[in-house]
Amino acid sequence: MQENVADLRLGAPDTVEKHGEIRTQVESVKGQQHSVMEQLRHEQICLEHDLKLGMIKYKHMSDIQGT
């Protein structure tokens, strides 16, 4: 790790290129993570909505049956 830092500071072409590739990869992973989190939030909202509908139906059926 320390070797890479020194080479990066010196501007060694291979190290600078590799550093750029790693940064690109990190940004890609962050983008994917953001996308997955958005999908999970959407899924959570849908599940909570379905749960509320189920509770409403259950309460309605209980009211009809008088329980």
C-alpha atoms as a PDB file:
ATOM      1  CA  MET A   1       0.000   0.000   0.000  1.00  0.00           C
ATOM      2  CA  GLN A   2       2.737   2.444   0.941  1.00  0.00           C
ATOM      3  CA  GLU A   3       4.541   1.668  -2.315  1.00  0.00           C
ATOM      4  CA  ASN A   4       1.461   2.680  -4.275  1.00  0.00           C
ATOM      5  CA  VAL A   5       1.116   5.953  -2.357  1.00  0.00           C
ATOM      6  CA  ALA A   6       4.709   6.870  -3.093  1.00  0.00           C
ATOM      7  CA  ASP A   7       4.350   5.923  -6.770  1.00  0.00           C
ATOM      8  CA  LEU A   8       1.114   7.875  -7.010  1.00  0.00           C
ATOM      9  CA  ARG A   9       2.743  10.967  -5.524  1.00  0.00           C
ATOM     10  CA  LEU A  10       5.597  10.628  -7.984  1.00  0.00           C
ATOM     11  CA  GLY A  11       3.103  10.305 -10.817  1.00  0.00           C
ATOM     12  CA  ALA A  12       4.199   6.833 -11.947  1.00  0.00           C
ATOM     13  CA  PRO A  13       2.056   6.219 -15.077  1.00  0.00           C
ATOM     14  CA  ASP A  14       1.078   2.629 -14.243  1.00  0.00           C
ATOM     15  CA  THR A  15       0.126   3.539 -10.695  1.00  0.00           C
ATOM     16  CA  VAL A  16      -1.826   6.618 -11.778  1.00  0.00           C
ATOM     17  CA  GLU A  17      -3.695   4.538 -14.363  1.00  0.00           C
ATOM     18  CA  LYS A  18      -4.437   1.793 -11.834  1.00  0.00           C
ATOM     19  CA  HIS A  19      -5.615   4.402  -9.317  1.00  0.00           C
ATOM     20  CA  GLY A  20      -7.975   5.838 -11.925  1.00  0.00           C
ATOM     21  CA  GLU A  21      -9.374   2.382 -12.681  1.00  0.00           C
ATOM     22  CA  ILE A  22      -9.953   1.736  -8.994  1.00  0.00           C
ATOM     23  CA  ARG A  23     -11.714   5.088  -8.537  1.00  0.00           C
ATOM     24  CA  THR A  24     -13.940   4.317 -11.535  1.00  0.00           C
ATOM     25  CA  GLN A  25     -14.760   0.923 -10.040  1.00  0.00           C
ATOM     26  CA  VAL A  26     -15.577   2.485  -6.664  1.00  0.00           C
ATOM     27  CA  GLU A  27     -17.924   5.020  -8.291  1.00  0.00           C
ATOM     28  CA  SER A  28     -19.618   2.215 -10.211  1.00  0.00           C
ATOM     29  CA  VAL A  29     -20.166   0.224  -7.022  1.00  0.00           C
ATOM     30  CA  LYS A  30     -21.559   3.319  -5.271  1.00  0.00           C
ATOM     31  CA  GLY A  31     -24.001   3.798  -8.147  1.00  0.00           C
ATOM     32  CA  GLN A  32     -25.087   0.173  -7.951  1.00  0.00           C
ATOM     33  CA  GLN A  33     -25.488   0.458  -4.190  1.00  0.00           C
ATOM     34  CA  HIS A  34     -27.675   3.536  -4.609  1.00  0.00           C
ATOM     35  CA  SER A  35     -29.828   1.716  -7.170  1.00  0.00           C
ATOM     36  CA  VAL A  36     -30.270  -1.305  -4.905  1.00  0.00           C
ATOM     37  CA  MET A  37     -31.192   0.925  -1.960  1.00  0.00           C
ATOM     38  CA  GLU A  38     -33.836   2.678  -4.066  1.00  0.00           C
ATOM     39  CA  GLN A  39     -35.265  -0.691  -5.135  1.00  0.00           C
ATOM     40  CA  LEU A  40     -35.358  -1.841  -1.510  1.00  0.00           C
ATOM     41  CA  ARG A  41     -37.120   1.358  -0.412  1.00  0.00           C
ATOM     42  CA  HIS A  42     -39.713   0.873  -3.141  1.00  0.00           C
ATOM     43  CA  GLU A  43     -40.206  -2.769  -2.136  1.00  0.00           C
ATOM     44  CA  GLN A  44     -40.588  -1.749   1.514  1.00  0.00           C
ATOM     45  CA  ILE A  45     -43.257   0.813   0.622  1.00  0.00           C
ATOM     46  CA  CYS A  46     -45.137  -1.776  -1.445  1.00  0.00           C
ATOM     47  CA  LEU A  47     -44.956  -4.372   1.335  1.00  0.00           C
ATOM     48  CA  GLU A  48     -46.114  -1.890   3.954  1.00  0.00           C
ATOM     49  CA  HIS A  49     -49.007  -0.895   1.684  1.00  0.00           C
ATOM     50  CA  ASP A  50     -49.971  -4.557   1.177  1.00  0.00           C
ATOM     51  CA  LEU A  51     -49.776  -5.141   4.929  1.00  0.00           C
ATOM     52  CA  LYS A  52     -52.061  -2.175   5.628  1.00  0.00           C
ATOM     53  CA  LEU A  53     -54.546  -3.428   3.035  1.00  0.00           C
ATOM     54  CA  GLY A  54     -54.482  -6.860   4.639  1.00  0.00           C
ATOM     55  CA  MET A  55     -55.111  -5.363   8.062  1.00  0.00           C
ATOM     56  CA  ILE A  56     -58.013  -3.308   6.718  1.00  0.00           C
ATOM     57  CA  LYS A  57     -59.537  -6.397   5.079  1.00  0.00           C
ATOM     58  CA  TYR A  58     -59.046  -8.415   8.273  1.00  0.00           C
ATOM     59  CA  LYS A  59     -60.685  -5.684  10.385  1.00  0.00           C
ATOM     60  CA  HIS A  60     -63.529  -5.410   7.903  1.00  0.00           C
ATOM     61  CA  MET A  61     -64.104  -9.179   8.006  1.00  0.00           C
ATOM     62  CA  SER A  62     -63.968  -9.127  11.816  1.00  0.00           C
ATOM     63  CA  ASP A  63     -66.534  -6.325  11.902  1.00  0.00           C
ATOM     64  CA  ILE A  64     -68.814  -8.265   9.550  1.00  0.00           C
ATOM     65  CA  GLN A  65     -68.507 -11.419  11.643  1.00  0.00           C
ATOM     66  CA  GLY A  66     -68.955  -9.455  14.861  1.00  0.00           C
ATOM     67  CA  THR A  67     -65.668 -10.581  16.419  1.00  0.00           C
END
